[in-house]
Amino acid sequence: SDSQKPQDERQEMLRQDIQAEKRLLEGLQTLFSELKNKSEEIN
């Protein structure tokens, strides 16, 4: 049900967690590509 206030707070917390996880994922993917490039440069 959309009318429950605790549910709204929980939804907002979940949205924030999803956004934080997406930022983390982007950072990890960037780091992975940088490591891959460095490895190729060293080889």
All heavy atoms as atom14 arrays in JSON, in Angstrom:
{
  "sequence": "SDSQKPQDERQEMLRQDIQAEKRLLEGLQTLFSELKNKSEEIN",
  "atom14_mask": [
    [1, 1, 1, 1, 1, 1, 0, 0, 0, 0, 0, 0, 0, 0],
    [1, 1, 1, 1, 1, 1, 1, 1, 0, 0, 0, 0, 0, 0],
    [1, 1, 1, 1, 1, 1, 0, 0, 0, 0, 0, 0, 0, 0],
    [1, 1, 1, 1, 1, 1, 1, 1, 1, 0, 0, 0, 0, 0],
    [1, 1, 1, 1, 1, 1, 1, 1, 1, 0, 0, 0, 0, 0],
    [1, 1, 1, 1, 1, 1, 1, 0, 0, 0, 0, 0, 0, 0],
    [1, 1, 1, 1, 1, 1, 1, 1, 1, 0, 0, 0, 0, 0],
    [1, 1, 1, 1, 1, 1, 1, 1, 0, 0, 0, 0, 0, 0],
    [1, 1, 1, 1, 1, 1, 1, 1, 1, 0, 0, 0, 0, 0],
    [1, 1, 1, 1, 1, 1, 1, 1, 1, 1, 1, 0, 0, 0],
    [1, 1, 1, 1, 1, 1, 1, 1, 1, 0, 0, 0, 0, 0],
    [1, 1, 1, 1, 1, 1, 1, 1, 1, 0, 0, 0, 0, 0],
    [1, 1, 1, 1, 1, 1, 1, 1, 0, 0, 0, 0, 0, 0],
    [1, 1, 1, 1, 1, 1, 1, 1, 0, 0, 0, 0, 0, 0],
    [1, 1, 1, 1, 1, 1, 1, 1, 1, 1, 1, 0, 0, 0],
    [1, 1, 1, 1, 1, 1, 1, 1, 1, 0, 0, 0, 0, 0],
    [1, 1, 1, 1, 1, 1, 1, 1, 0, 0, 0, 0, 0, 0],
    [1, 1, 1, 1, 1, 1, 1, 1, 0, 0, 0, 0, 0, 0],
    [1, 1, 1, 1, 1, 1, 1, 1, 1, 0, 0, 0, 0, 0],
    [1, 1, 1, 1, 1, 0, 0, 0, 0, 0, 0, 0, 0, 0],
    [1, 1, 1, 1, 1, 1, 1, 1, 1, 0, 0, 0, 0, 0],
    [1, 1, 1, 1, 1, 1, 1, 1, 1, 0, 0, 0, 0, 0],
    [1, 1, 1, 1, 1, 1, 1, 1, 1, 1, 1, 0, 0, 0],
    [1, 1, 1, 1, 1, 1, 1, 1, 0, 0, 0, 0, 0, 0],
    [1, 1, 1, 1, 1, 1, 1, 1, 0, 0, 0, 0, 0, 0],
    [1, 1, 1, 1, 1, 1, 1, 1, 1, 0, 0, 0, 0, 0],
    [1, 1, 1, 1, 0, 0, 0, 0, 0, 0, 0, 0, 0, 0],
    [1, 1, 1, 1, 1, 1, 1, 1, 0, 0, 0, 0, 0, 0],
    [1, 1, 1, 1, 1, 1, 1, 1, 1, 0, 0, 0, 0, 0],
    [1, 1, 1, 1, 1, 1, 1, 0, 0, 0, 0, 0, 0, 0],
    [1, 1, 1, 1, 1, 1, 1, 1, 0, 0, 0, 0, 0, 0],
    [1, 1, 1, 1, 1, 1, 1, 1, 1, 1, 1, 0, 0, 0],
    [1, 1, 1, 1, 1, 1, 0, 0, 0, 0, 0, 0, 0, 0],
    [1, 1, 1, 1, 1, 1, 1, 1, 1, 0, 0, 0, 0, 0],
    [1, 1, 1, 1, 1, 1, 1, 1, 0, 0, 0, 0, 0, 0],
    [1, 1, 1, 1, 1, 1, 1, 1, 1, 0, 0, 0, 0, 0],
    [1, 1, 1, 1, 1, 1, 1, 1, 0, 0, 0, 0, 0, 0],
    [1, 1, 1, 1, 1, 1, 1, 1, 1, 0, 0, 0, 0, 0],
    [1, 1, 1, 1, 1, 1, 0, 0, 0, 0, 0, 0, 0, 0],
    [1, 1, 1, 1, 1, 1, 1, 1, 1, 0, 0, 0, 0, 0],
    [1, 1, 1, 1, 1, 1, 1, 1, 1, 0, 0, 0, 0, 0],
    [1, 1, 1, 1, 1, 1, 1, 1, 0, 0, 0, 0, 0, 0],
    [1, 1, 1, 1, 1, 1, 1, 1, 0, 0, 0, 0, 0, 0]
  ],
  "atom14_positions": [
    [[0.84, -1.21, 0.0], [0.0, 0.0, 0.0], [0.87, 1.26, 0.0], [1.86, 1.35, 0.7], [-0.93, 0.0, 1.21], [-0.18, 0.16, 2.39], [0.0, 0.0, 0.0], [0.0, 0.0, 0.0], [0.0, 0.0, 0.0], [0.0, 0.0, 0.0], [0.0, 0.0, 0.0], [0.0, 0.0, 0.0], [0.0, 0.0, 0.0], [0.0, 0.0, 0.0]],
    [[0.47, 2.22, -0.83], [1.22, 3.45, -0.99], [0.96, 4.45, 0.13], [1.69, 5.42, 0.29], [0.87, 4.12, -2.33], [1.34, 3.27, -3.5], [2.33, 2.55, -3.32], [0.69, 3.34, -4.56], [0.0, 0.0, 0.0], [0.0, 0.0, 0.0], [0.0, 0.0, 0.0], [0.0, 0.0, 0.0], [0.0, 0.0, 0.0], [0.0, 0.0, 0.0]],
    [[-0.06, 4.26, 0.9], [-0.45, 5.24, 1.91], [0.32, 5.1, 3.22], [0.2, 5.95, 4.09], [-1.95, 5.16, 2.17], [-2.26, 3.89, 2.7], [0.0, 0.0, 0.0], [0.0, 0.0, 0.0], [0.0, 0.0, 0.0], [0.0, 0.0, 0.0], [0.0, 0.0, 0.0], [0.0, 0.0, 0.0], [0.0, 0.0, 0.0], [0.0, 0.0, 0.0]],
    [[1.06, 4.03, 3.38], [1.76, 3.82, 4.64], [3.03, 4.66, 4.7], [3.89, 4.57, 3.84], [2.11, 2.35, 4.81], [0.91, 1.44, 4.92], [1.32, -0.02, 5.03], [2.49, -0.34, 4.94], [0.34, -0.88, 5.24], [0.0, 0.0, 0.0], [0.0, 0.0, 0.0], [0.0, 0.0, 0.0], [0.0, 0.0, 0.0], [0.0, 0.0, 0.0]],
    [[3.13, 5.49, 5.72], [4.28, 6.37, 5.86], [5.58, 5.59, 6.08], [6.6, 5.92, 5.48], [4.05, 7.38, 6.98], [5.18, 8.36, 7.1], [4.72, 9.62, 7.74], [5.88, 10.55, 7.84], [5.75, 11.76, 7.13], [0.0, 0.0, 0.0], [0.0, 0.0, 0.0], [0.0, 0.0, 0.0], [0.0, 0.0, 0.0], [0.0, 0.0, 0.0]],
    [[5.61, 4.56, 6.95], [6.86, 3.81, 7.12], [7.35, 3.2, 5.79], [8.54, 3.11, 5.55], [6.52, 2.72, 8.13], [5.34, 3.23, 8.88], [4.6, 4.1, 7.89], [0.0, 0.0, 0.0], [0.0, 0.0, 0.0], [0.0, 0.0, 0.0], [0.0, 0.0, 0.0], [0.0, 0.0, 0.0], [0.0, 0.0, 0.0], [0.0, 0.0, 0.0]],
    [[6.41, 2.82, 4.93], [6.79, 2.27, 3.63], [7.47, 3.34, 2.78], [8.42, 3.05, 2.06], [5.57, 1.71, 2.9], [5.02, 0.44, 3.49], [6.0, -0.72, 3.39], [6.92, -0.73, 2.6], [5.79, -1.71, 4.24], [0.0, 0.0, 0.0], [0.0, 0.0, 0.0], [0.0, 0.0, 0.0], [0.0, 0.0, 0.0], [0.0, 0.0, 0.0]],
    [[6.98, 4.58, 2.85], [7.58, 5.67, 2.08], [9.02, 5.9, 2.52], [9.9, 6.1, 1.7], [6.77, 6.96, 2.24], [5.4, 6.89, 1.57], [5.24, 6.02, 0.69], [4.52, 7.68, 1.93], [0.0, 0.0, 0.0], [0.0, 0.0, 0.0], [0.0, 0.0, 0.0], [0.0, 0.0, 0.0], [0.0, 0.0, 0.0], [0.0, 0.0, 0.0]],
    [[9.23, 5.87, 3.82], [10.59, 6.05, 4.34], [11.49, 4.9, 3.91], [12.65, 5.12, 3.54], [10.55, 6.16, 5.87], [9.9, 7.42, 6.38], [9.73, 7.43, 7.88], [10.24, 6.5, 8.56], [9.09, 8.36, 8.38], [0.0, 0.0, 0.0], [0.0, 0.0, 0.0], [0.0, 0.0, 0.0], [0.0, 0.0, 0.0], [0.0, 0.0, 0.0]],
    [[10.95, 3.72, 3.95], [11.74, 2.54, 3.53], [12.06, 2.62, 2.05], [13.18, 2.31, 1.63], [10.96, 1.26, 3.83], [11.76, 0.02, 3.51], [11.27, -1.17, 4.28], [12.23, -2.24, 4.17], [12.04, -3.33, 3.42], [10.92, -3.49, 2.77], [12.97, -4.25, 3.36], [0.0, 0.0, 0.0], [0.0, 0.0, 0.0], [0.0, 0.0, 0.0]],
    [[11.1, 3.04, 1.24], [11.34, 3.18, -0.2], [12.45, 4.2, -0.47], [13.31, 3.97, -1.31], [10.06, 3.61, -0.92], [9.02, 2.52, -1.02], [7.71, 3.03, -1.59], [7.47, 4.22, -1.66], [6.86, 2.09, -2.0], [0.0, 0.0, 0.0], [0.0, 0.0, 0.0], [0.0, 0.0, 0.0], [0.0, 0.0, 0.0], [0.0, 0.0, 0.0]],
    [[12.41, 5.31, 0.25], [13.44, 6.33, 0.06], [14.82, 5.8, 0.46], [15.81, 6.04, -0.22], [13.1, 7.59, 0.88], [14.04, 8.73, 0.64], [14.12, 9.16, -0.81], [13.12, 9.07, -1.55], [15.22, 9.58, -1.23], [0.0, 0.0, 0.0], [0.0, 0.0, 0.0], [0.0, 0.0, 0.0], [0.0, 0.0, 0.0], [0.0, 0.0, 0.0]],
    [[14.87, 5.04, 1.56], [16.14, 4.43, 1.98], [16.65, 3.46, 0.92], [17.84, 3.44, 0.61], [15.97, 3.73, 3.32], [15.84, 4.67, 4.5], [15.53, 3.84, 6.08], [16.64, 2.48, 6.07], [0.0, 0.0, 0.0], [0.0, 0.0, 0.0], [0.0, 0.0, 0.0], [0.0, 0.0, 0.0], [0.0, 0.0, 0.0], [0.0, 0.0, 0.0]],
    [[15.74, 2.67, 0.36], [16.13, 1.72, -0.69], [16.63, 2.45, -1.93], [17.62, 2.04, -2.53], [14.95, 0.8, -1.04], [14.62, -0.28, -0.01], [13.31, -0.96, -0.35], [15.74, -1.29, 0.1], [0.0, 0.0, 0.0], [0.0, 0.0, 0.0], [0.0, 0.0, 0.0], [0.0, 0.0, 0.0], [0.0, 0.0, 0.0], [0.0, 0.0, 0.0]],
    [[15.98, 3.53, -2.31], [16.43, 4.31, -3.46], [17.84, 4.87, -3.23], [18.68, 4.85, -4.13], [15.45, 5.44, -3.75], [14.17, 5.0, -4.4], [13.3, 6.18, -4.82], [11.98, 5.73, -5.17], [10.91, 5.84, -4.38], [10.99, 6.44, -3.2], [9.74, 5.38, -4.77], [0.0, 0.0, 0.0], [0.0, 0.0, 0.0], [0.0, 0.0, 0.0]],
    [[18.06, 5.37, -2.03], [19.38, 5.9, -1.7], [20.44, 4.79, -1.73], [21.55, 5.0, -2.22], [19.36, 6.59, -0.33], [18.59, 7.87, -0.31], [18.47, 8.46, 1.09], [18.94, 7.87, 2.08], [17.84, 9.62, 1.19], [0.0, 0.0, 0.0], [0.0, 0.0, 0.0], [0.0, 0.0, 0.0], [0.0, 0.0, 0.0], [0.0, 0.0, 0.0]],
    [[20.09, 3.63, -1.21], [21.02, 2.5, -1.23], [21.33, 2.07, -2.66], [22.48, 1.74, -2.99], [20.45, 1.32, -0.44], [20.44, 1.56, 1.06], [21.12, 2.51, 1.52], [19.75, 0.79, 1.77], [0.0, 0.0, 0.0], [0.0, 0.0, 0.0], [0.0, 0.0, 0.0], [0.0, 0.0, 0.0], [0.0, 0.0, 0.0], [0.0, 0.0, 0.0]],
    [[20.32, 2.08, -3.51], [20.52, 1.69, -4.91], [21.45, 2.69, -5.59], [22.37, 2.3, -6.32], [19.17, 1.59, -5.65], [18.39, 0.38, -5.14], [19.37, 1.5, -7.16], [16.94, 0.32, -5.61], [0.0, 0.0, 0.0], [0.0, 0.0, 0.0], [0.0, 0.0, 0.0], [0.0, 0.0, 0.0], [0.0, 0.0, 0.0], [0.0, 0.0, 0.0]],
    [[21.24, 3.98, -5.35], [22.1, 4.99, -5.95], [23.54, 4.85, -5.45], [24.48, 4.97, -6.24], [21.56, 6.4, -5.64], [20.29, 6.74, -6.38], [20.46, 6.66, -7.88], [21.47, 7.09, -8.42], [19.48, 6.09, -8.55], [0.0, 0.0, 0.0], [0.0, 0.0, 0.0], [0.0, 0.0, 0.0], [0.0, 0.0, 0.0], [0.0, 0.0, 0.0]],
    [[23.71, 4.6, -4.17], [25.06, 4.42, -3.61], [25.73, 3.2, -4.22], [26.93, 3.23, -4.56], [24.98, 4.29, -2.09], [0.0, 0.0, 0.0], [0.0, 0.0, 0.0], [0.0, 0.0, 0.0], [0.0, 0.0, 0.0], [0.0, 0.0, 0.0], [0.0, 0.0, 0.0], [0.0, 0.0, 0.0], [0.0, 0.0, 0.0], [0.0, 0.0, 0.0]],
    [[24.97, 2.14, -4.39], [25.53, 0.92, -4.98], [25.92, 1.15, -6.44], [26.94, 0.66, -6.9], [24.52, -0.22, -4.86], [25.09, -1.59, -5.01], [26.03, -1.99, -3.89], [25.78, -1.67, -2.72], [27.05, -2.64, -4.19], [0.0, 0.0, 0.0], [0.0, 0.0, 0.0], [0.0, 0.0, 0.0], [0.0, 0.0, 0.0], [0.0, 0.0, 0.0]],
    [[25.12, 1.93, -7.16], [25.44, 2.24, -8.56], [26.71, 3.08, -8.65], [27.53, 2.86, -9.53], [24.28, 2.95, -9.23], [23.12, 2.03, -9.56], [22.0, 2.76, -10.26], [20.86, 1.8, -10.57], [19.75, 2.46, -11.25], [0.0, 0.0, 0.0], [0.0, 0.0, 0.0], [0.0, 0.0, 0.0], [0.0, 0.0, 0.0], [0.0, 0.0, 0.0]],
    [[26.86, 4.04, -7.74], [28.1, 4.85, -7.74], [29.31, 3.98, -7.43], [30.36, 4.13, -8.04], [27.98, 5.99, -6.73], [27.09, 7.13, -7.19], [27.2, 8.35, -6.28], [26.89, 8.06, -4.89], [25.68, 8.12, -4.34], [24.64, 8.47, -5.08], [25.5, 7.84, -3.07], [0.0, 0.0, 0.0], [0.0, 0.0, 0.0], [0.0, 0.0, 0.0]],
    [[29.14, 3.07, -6.48], [30.22, 2.15, -6.13], [30.58, 1.29, -7.33], [31.76, 1.09, -7.65], [29.82, 1.28, -4.94], [30.8, 0.18, -4.56], [32.09, 0.77, -4.02], [30.18, -0.75, -3.53], [0.0, 0.0, 0.0], [0.0, 0.0, 0.0], [0.0, 0.0, 0.0], [0.0, 0.0, 0.0], [0.0, 0.0, 0.0], [0.0, 0.0, 0.0]],
    [[29.58, 0.78, -8.01], [29.8, -0.07, -9.18], [30.55, 0.69, -10.28], [31.48, 0.15, -10.87], [28.47, -0.6, -9.71], [28.53, -1.53, -10.91], [29.36, -2.76, -10.62], [27.13, -1.93, -11.34], [0.0, 0.0, 0.0], [0.0, 0.0, 0.0], [0.0, 0.0, 0.0], [0.0, 0.0, 0.0], [0.0, 0.0, 0.0], [0.0, 0.0, 0.0]],
    [[30.15, 1.93, -10.52], [30.84, 2.74, -11.53], [32.3, 2.94, -11.16], [33.19, 2.84, -12.0], [30.15, 4.09, -11.69], [28.81, 4.02, -12.37], [28.05, 5.35, -12.34], [28.62, 6.35, -11.86], [26.91, 5.37, -12.8], [0.0, 0.0, 0.0], [0.0, 0.0, 0.0], [0.0, 0.0, 0.0], [0.0, 0.0, 0.0], [0.0, 0.0, 0.0]],
    [[32.56, 3.22, -9.88], [33.93, 3.39, -9.42], [34.76, 2.13, -9.57], [35.92, 2.17, -10.0], [0.0, 0.0, 0.0], [0.0, 0.0, 0.0], [0.0, 0.0, 0.0], [0.0, 0.0, 0.0], [0.0, 0.0, 0.0], [0.0, 0.0, 0.0], [0.0, 0.0, 0.0], [0.0, 0.0, 0.0], [0.0, 0.0, 0.0], [0.0, 0.0, 0.0]],
    [[34.16, 0.99, -9.23], [34.86, -0.29, -9.36], [35.17, -0.6, -10.83], [36.26, -1.09, -11.16], [34.03, -1.42, -8.75], [33.89, -1.41, -7.23], [32.9, -2.48, -6.78], [35.23, -1.61, -6.56], [0.0, 0.0, 0.0], [0.0, 0.0, 0.0], [0.0, 0.0, 0.0], [0.0, 0.0, 0.0], [0.0, 0.0, 0.0], [0.0, 0.0, 0.0]],
    [[34.21, -0.33, -11.7], [34.43, -0.59, -13.12], [35.51, 0.33, -13.69], [36.33, -0.11, -14.51], [33.12, -0.43, -13.89], [32.15, -1.54, -13.61], [30.78, -1.33, -14.23], [30.35, -0.2, -14.45], [30.07, -2.42, -14.49], [0.0, 0.0, 0.0], [0.0, 0.0, 0.0], [0.0, 0.0, 0.0], [0.0, 0.0, 0.0], [0.0, 0.0, 0.0]],
    [[35.54, 1.58, -13.24], [36.58, 2.5, -13.68], [37.95, 2.02, -13.21], [38.91, 2.0, -13.98], [36.31, 3.92, -13.13], [35.04, 4.36, -13.59], [37.38, 4.89, -13.55], [0.0, 0.0, 0.0], [0.0, 0.0, 0.0], [0.0, 0.0, 0.0], [0.0, 0.0, 0.0], [0.0, 0.0, 0.0], [0.0, 0.0, 0.0], [0.0, 0.0, 0.0]],
    [[38.02, 1.62, -11.95], [39.27, 1.11, -11.4], [39.72, -0.14, -12.15], [40.91, -0.3, -12.47], [39.1, 0.82, -9.91], [40.33, 0.32, -9.17], [41.46, 1.32, -9.25], [39.98, 0.04, -7.71], [0.0, 0.0, 0.0], [0.0, 0.0, 0.0], [0.0, 0.0, 0.0], [0.0, 0.0, 0.0], [0.0, 0.0, 0.0], [0.0, 0.0, 0.0]],
    [[38.78, -1.03, -12.46], [39.12, -2.24, -13.19], [39.71, -1.91, -14.56], [40.73, -2.49, -14.96], [37.88, -3.13, -13.34], [38.15, -4.39, -14.11], [38.79, -5.46, -13.52], [37.76, -4.5, -15.44], [39.04, -6.62, -14.23], [38.01, -5.66, -16.15], [38.65, -6.72, -15.55], [0.0, 0.0, 0.0], [0.0, 0.0, 0.0], [0.0, 0.0, 0.0]],
    [[39.09, -0.98, -15.27], [39.6, -0.63, -16.6], [40.97, 0.04, -16.5], [41.85, -0.2, -17.34], [38.61, 0.24, -17.36], [38.47, 1.49, -16.73], [0.0, 0.0, 0.0], [0.0, 0.0, 0.0], [0.0, 0.0, 0.0], [0.0, 0.0, 0.0], [0.0, 0.0, 0.0], [0.0, 0.0, 0.0], [0.0, 0.0, 0.0], [0.0, 0.0, 0.0]],
    [[41.19, 0.86, -15.47], [42.5, 1.48, -15.28], [43.57, 0.43, -14.98], [44.68, 0.52, -15.51], [42.44, 2.51, -14.14], [41.67, 3.76, -14.5], [41.48, 4.69, -13.32], [41.98, 4.41, -12.21], [40.83, 5.73, -13.51], [0.0, 0.0, 0.0], [0.0, 0.0, 0.0], [0.0, 0.0, 0.0], [0.0, 0.0, 0.0], [0.0, 0.0, 0.0]],
    [[43.24, -0.54, -14.14], [44.2, -1.61, -13.84], [44.52, -2.42, -15.08], [45.67, -2.78, -15.33], [43.65, -2.52, -12.74], [43.7, -1.99, -11.32], [43.03, -2.98, -10.37], [45.12, -1.73, -10.88], [0.0, 0.0, 0.0], [0.0, 0.0, 0.0], [0.0, 0.0, 0.0], [0.0, 0.0, 0.0], [0.0, 0.0, 0.0], [0.0, 0.0, 0.0]],
    [[43.51, -2.68, -15.88], [43.71, -3.44, -17.11], [44.63, -2.67, -18.06], [45.56, -3.26, -18.64], [42.36, -3.71, -17.77], [42.42, -4.6, -18.98], [41.02, -4.85, -19.52], [41.09, -5.63, -20.8], [39.76, -5.82, -21.38], [0.0, 0.0, 0.0], [0.0, 0.0, 0.0], [0.0, 0.0, 0.0], [0.0, 0.0, 0.0], [0.0, 0.0, 0.0]],
    [[44.4, -1.37, -18.19], [45.24, -0.55, -19.05], [46.68, -0.5, -18.55], [47.63, -0.59, -19.34], [44.68, 0.87, -19.17], [43.4, 0.92, -19.96], [43.1, 0.03, -20.75], [42.62, 1.95, -19.72], [0.0, 0.0, 0.0], [0.0, 0.0, 0.0], [0.0, 0.0, 0.0], [0.0, 0.0, 0.0], [0.0, 0.0, 0.0], [0.0, 0.0, 0.0]],
    [[46.86, -0.35, -17.25], [48.21, -0.31, -16.68], [48.93, -1.63, -16.92], [50.12, -1.65, -17.24], [48.17, -0.02, -15.18], [47.93, 1.41, -14.85], [49.11, 2.25, -15.27], [48.83, 3.69, -14.99], [49.82, 4.58, -15.55], [0.0, 0.0, 0.0], [0.0, 0.0, 0.0], [0.0, 0.0, 0.0], [0.0, 0.0, 0.0], [0.0, 0.0, 0.0]],
    [[48.22, -2.71, -16.74], [48.82, -4.02, -16.97], [49.28, -4.16, -18.43], [50.39, -4.64, -18.7], [47.81, -5.12, -16.63], [48.35, -6.38, -16.88], [0.0, 0.0, 0.0], [0.0, 0.0, 0.0], [0.0, 0.0, 0.0], [0.0, 0.0, 0.0], [0.0, 0.0, 0.0], [0.0, 0.0, 0.0], [0.0, 0.0, 0.0], [0.0, 0.0, 0.0]],
    [[48.46, -3.71, -19.36], [48.83, -3.76, -20.77], [50.03, -2.87, -21.05], [50.93, -3.25, -21.8], [47.64, -3.36, -21.65], [46.52, -4.37, -21.65], [45.27, -3.89, -22.35], [45.25, -2.74, -22.86], [44.3, -4.65, -22.4], [0.0, 0.0, 0.0], [0.0, 0.0, 0.0], [0.0, 0.0, 0.0], [0.0, 0.0, 0.0], [0.0, 0.0, 0.0]],
    [[50.07, -1.68, -20.46], [51.19, -0.77, -20.65], [52.49, -1.38, -20.14], [53.53, -1.28, -20.77], [50.93, 0.56, -19.94], [49.88, 1.41, -20.58], [49.56, 2.65, -19.76], [50.27, 2.95, -18.77], [48.57, 3.33, -20.1], [0.0, 0.0, 0.0], [0.0, 0.0, 0.0], [0.0, 0.0, 0.0], [0.0, 0.0, 0.0], [0.0, 0.0, 0.0]],
    [[52.43, -2.02, -18.98], [53.61, -2.64, -18.41], [54.08, -3.8, -19.27], [55.28, -3.96, -19.52], [53.35, -3.09, -16.95], [53.15, -1.87, -16.06], [54.48, -3.96, -16.43], [52.66, -2.19, -14.67], [0.0, 0.0, 0.0], [0.0, 0.0, 0.0], [0.0, 0.0, 0.0], [0.0, 0.0, 0.0], [0.0, 0.0, 0.0], [0.0, 0.0, 0.0]],
    [[53.15, -4.61, -19.77], [53.53, -5.72, -20.65], [54.18, -5.21, -21.93], [55.15, -5.79, -22.41], [52.31, -6.57, -20.98], [51.95, -7.51, -19.86], [52.81, -8.0, -19.14], [50.66, -7.75, -19.67], [0.0, 0.0, 0.0], [0.0, 0.0, 0.0], [0.0, 0.0, 0.0], [0.0, 0.0, 0.0], [0.0, 0.0, 0.0], [0.0, 0.0, 0.0]]
  ]
}
